[in-house]
Amino acid sequence: MRMGIMASALALAWMATVSNAMAAKVTPSAPPPGPRVQIQNFAFMPKTLTVSAGSKVVWTNLDEEPHIVTSAGGNFRSSPGLDTNDSYSFTFDKPGTYTYYCSIHPMMVGTIVVQ
């Protein structure tokens, strides 16, 4: 009888150890989001964004209307049409000032300053 109780106690201790080890397992978190531009209320927010060379900028359309991010000087490729919650990204490798607009709504303008 005493052996049965010891075996049960050992089994419970082993299960607790395994459970604690599993709970302590750290899962890697997602990297912090990079520079972002939100498209909302027919505007780019922020209107001017300063980033380091090599940064990937992500635009996300929060409007219910489609938008297309287009470089004013042809310095980066245009996005496809972005529907609600769609995102587009571009990595800016070279320092400079990049002006862009929405080719559907040209009054929407923004600037990326790459240092």
C-alpha atoms as a PDB file:
ATOM      1  CA  MET A   1       0.000   0.000   0.000  1.00  0.00           C
ATOM      2  CA  ARG A   2       2.796   2.376   0.925  1.00  0.00           C
ATOM      3  CA  MET A   3       4.478   1.762  -2.468  1.00  0.00           C
ATOM      4  CA  GLY A   4       1.251   2.649  -4.261  1.00  0.00           C
ATOM      5  CA  ILE A   5       1.004   5.962  -2.421  1.00  0.00           C
ATOM      6  CA  MET A   6       4.661   6.744  -3.191  1.00  0.00           C
ATOM      7  CA  ALA A   7       4.185   5.894  -6.843  1.00  0.00           C
ATOM      8  CA  SER A   8       1.123   8.131  -7.006  1.00  0.00           C
ATOM      9  CA  ALA A   9       2.992  10.982  -5.281  1.00  0.00           C
ATOM     10  CA  LEU A  10       5.912  10.604  -7.698  1.00  0.00           C
ATOM     11  CA  ALA A  11       3.563  10.586 -10.667  1.00  0.00           C
ATOM     12  CA  LEU A  12       1.852  13.753  -9.435  1.00  0.00           C
ATOM     13  CA  ALA A  13       5.217  15.442  -8.827  1.00  0.00           C
ATOM     14  CA  TRP A  14       6.374  14.492 -12.318  1.00  0.00           C
ATOM     15  CA  MET A  15       3.133  15.833 -13.875  1.00  0.00           C
ATOM     16  CA  ALA A  16       3.503  19.106 -11.941  1.00  0.00           C
ATOM     17  CA  THR A  17       7.112  19.462 -13.131  1.00  0.00           C
ATOM     18  CA  VAL A  18       6.130  18.868 -16.754  1.00  0.00           C
ATOM     19  CA  SER A  19       3.190  21.269 -16.433  1.00  0.00           C
ATOM     20  CA  ASN A  20       5.410  23.997 -14.920  1.00  0.00           C
ATOM     21  CA  ALA A  21       8.044  23.497 -17.611  1.00  0.00           C
ATOM     22  CA  MET A  22       5.406  23.838 -20.313  1.00  0.00           C
ATOM     23  CA  ALA A  23       3.959  26.957 -18.692  1.00  0.00           C
ATOM     24  CA  ALA A  24       7.417  28.506 -18.421  1.00  0.00           C
ATOM     25  CA  LYS A  25       8.143  27.917 -22.102  1.00  0.00           C
ATOM     26  CA  VAL A  26       8.624  31.311 -23.697  1.00  0.00           C
ATOM     27  CA  THR A  27       7.203  31.796 -27.130  1.00  0.00           C
ATOM     28  CA  PRO A  28       8.929  34.409 -29.249  1.00  0.00           C
ATOM     29  CA  SER A  29       6.879  37.542 -29.641  1.00  0.00           C
ATOM     30  CA  ALA A  30       6.371  39.260 -32.952  1.00  0.00           C
ATOM     31  CA  PRO A  31       8.944  41.911 -33.733  1.00  0.00           C
ATOM     32  CA  PRO A  32       7.826  45.418 -32.903  1.00  0.00           C
ATOM     33  CA  PRO A  33       5.977  47.004 -35.777  1.00  0.00           C
ATOM     34  CA  GLY A  34       8.043  49.201 -38.026  1.00  0.00           C
ATOM     35  CA  PRO A  35       7.145  52.650 -39.224  1.00  0.00           C
ATOM     36  CA  ARG A  36       3.498  52.838 -40.214  1.00  0.00           C
ATOM     37  CA  VAL A  37       1.283  55.223 -42.105  1.00  0.00           C
ATOM     38  CA  GLN A  38      -2.461  54.938 -41.636  1.00  0.00           C
ATOM     39  CA  ILE A  39      -4.804  55.994 -44.394  1.00  0.00           C
ATOM     40  CA  GLN A  40      -7.905  57.367 -42.732  1.00  0.00           C
ATOM     41  CA  ASN A  41     -10.460  60.071 -43.484  1.00  0.00           C
ATOM     42  CA  PHE A  42      -8.841  60.602 -46.901  1.00  0.00           C
ATOM     43  CA  ALA A  43      -5.478  61.502 -45.335  1.00  0.00           C
ATOM     44  CA  PHE A  44      -2.106  59.885 -44.662  1.00  0.00           C
ATOM     45  CA  MET A  45      -1.265  59.880 -40.952  1.00  0.00           C
ATOM     46  CA  PRO A  46       1.310  60.958 -40.140  1.00  0.00           C
ATOM     47  CA  LYS A  47       1.570  63.299 -43.092  1.00  0.00           C
ATOM     48  CA  THR A  48       5.387  63.308 -42.773  1.00  0.00           C
ATOM     49  CA  LEU A  49       7.280  60.294 -41.446  1.00  0.00           C
ATOM     50  CA  THR A  50      11.035  60.257 -40.776  1.00  0.00           C
ATOM     51  CA  VAL A  51      12.788  56.864 -40.866  1.00  0.00           C
ATOM     52  CA  SER A  52      16.298  55.428 -41.034  1.00  0.00           C
ATOM     53  CA  ALA A  53      17.665  54.089 -44.313  1.00  0.00           C
ATOM     54  CA  GLY A  54      16.710  50.427 -44.649  1.00  0.00           C
ATOM     55  CA  SER A  55      13.338  50.882 -42.928  1.00  0.00           C
ATOM     56  CA  LYS A  56      10.258  49.168 -44.240  1.00  0.00           C
ATOM     57  CA  VAL A  57       7.280  51.531 -44.156  1.00  0.00           C
ATOM     58  CA  VAL A  58       3.808  49.992 -44.032  1.00  0.00           C
ATOM     59  CA  TRP A  59       0.701  51.840 -45.215  1.00  0.00           C
ATOM     60  CA  THR A  60      -2.682  50.498 -44.063  1.00  0.00           C
ATOM     61  CA  ASN A  61      -5.999  51.672 -45.483  1.00  0.00           C
ATOM     62  CA  LEU A  62      -8.567  52.224 -42.732  1.00  0.00           C
ATOM     63  CA  ASP A  63     -11.039  54.004 -45.035  1.00  0.00           C
ATOM     64  CA  GLU A  64     -13.949  52.284 -46.706  1.00  0.00           C
ATOM     65  CA  GLU A  65     -12.795  53.687 -50.048  1.00  0.00           C
ATOM     66  CA  PRO A  66      -9.852  52.238 -52.010  1.00  0.00           C
ATOM     67  CA  HIS A  67      -6.537  54.110 -52.205  1.00  0.00           C
ATOM     68  CA  ILE A  68      -3.306  53.717 -54.209  1.00  0.00           C
ATOM     69  CA  VAL A  69       0.006  54.910 -52.732  1.00  0.00           C
ATOM     70  CA  THR A  70       1.975  56.474 -55.611  1.00  0.00           C
ATOM     71  CA  SER A  71       5.448  58.055 -55.581  1.00  0.00           C
ATOM     72  CA  ALA A  72       5.307  61.648 -56.862  1.00  0.00           C
ATOM     73  CA  GLY A  73       8.745  61.254 -58.476  1.00  0.00           C
ATOM     74  CA  GLY A  74       8.519  57.610 -59.481  1.00  0.00           C
ATOM     75  CA  ASN A  75      11.107  56.784 -56.793  1.00  0.00           C
ATOM     76  CA  PHE A  76       9.281  53.712 -55.514  1.00  0.00           C
ATOM     77  CA  ARG A  77       6.723  51.350 -56.949  1.00  0.00           C
ATOM     78  CA  SER A  78       3.037  52.149 -56.501  1.00  0.00           C
ATOM     79  CA  SER A  79       0.833  50.017 -54.328  1.00  0.00           C
ATOM     80  CA  PRO A  80      -1.980  48.006 -55.800  1.00  0.00           C
ATOM     81  CA  GLY A  81      -5.463  49.304 -54.988  1.00  0.00           C
ATOM     82  CA  LEU A  82      -5.814  49.035 -51.221  1.00  0.00           C
ATOM     83  CA  ASP A  83      -9.258  48.120 -49.948  1.00  0.00           C
ATOM     84  CA  THR A  84     -10.295  48.491 -46.306  1.00  0.00           C
ATOM     85  CA  ASN A  85      -7.654  47.008 -43.956  1.00  0.00           C
ATOM     86  CA  ASP A  86      -5.281  46.188 -46.831  1.00  0.00           C
ATOM     87  CA  SER A  87      -1.614  47.053 -46.336  1.00  0.00           C
ATOM     88  CA  TYR A  88       1.291  47.854 -48.619  1.00  0.00           C
ATOM     89  CA  SER A  89       4.962  48.114 -47.688  1.00  0.00           C
ATOM     90  CA  PHE A  90       8.129  49.442 -49.240  1.00  0.00           C
ATOM     91  CA  THR A  91      11.696  49.401 -47.925  1.00  0.00           C
ATOM     92  CA  PHE A  92      13.498  52.730 -48.278  1.00  0.00           C
ATOM     93  CA  ASP A  93      17.203  51.966 -48.678  1.00  0.00           C
ATOM     94  CA  LYS A  94      18.515  55.361 -49.797  1.00  0.00           C
ATOM     95  CA  PRO A  95      18.414  58.626 -47.826  1.00  0.00           C
ATOM     96  CA  GLY A  96      16.221  61.322 -49.318  1.00  0.00           C
ATOM     97  CA  THR A  97      12.784  62.873 -49.268  1.00  0.00           C
ATOM     98  CA  TYR A  98      10.040  60.852 -50.930  1.00  0.00           C
ATOM     99  CA  THR A  99       6.748  62.590 -51.647  1.00  0.00           C
ATOM    100  CA  TYR A 100       3.751  60.425 -52.442  1.00  0.00           C
ATOM    101  CA  TYR A 101       0.022  60.761 -53.058  1.00  0.00           C
ATOM    102  CA  CYS A 102      -3.079  58.664 -53.662  1.00  0.00           C
ATOM    103  CA  SER A 103      -3.520  58.350 -57.417  1.00  0.00           C
ATOM    104  CA  ILE A 104      -7.288  57.954 -56.947  1.00  0.00           C
ATOM    105  CA  HIS A 105      -7.538  61.005 -54.646  1.00  0.00           C
ATOM    106  CA  PRO A 106      -4.593  63.290 -55.597  1.00  0.00           C
ATOM    107  CA  MET A 107      -5.375  65.776 -52.819  1.00  0.00           C
ATOM    108  CA  MET A 108      -4.061  63.128 -50.400  1.00  0.00           C
ATOM    109  CA  VAL A 109      -0.299  63.690 -50.059  1.00  0.00           C
ATOM    110  CA  GLY A 110       2.417  62.519 -47.698  1.00  0.00           C
ATOM    111  CA  THR A 111       6.184  62.526 -47.307  1.00  0.00           C
ATOM    112  CA  ILE A 112       8.730  59.949 -46.165  1.00  0.00           C
ATOM    113  CA  VAL A 113      12.060  61.435 -45.054  1.00  0.00           C
ATOM    114  CA  VAL A 114      14.827  58.807 -45.068  1.00  0.00           C
ATOM    115  CA  GLN A 115      17.973  59.616 -43.091  1.00  0.00           C
END
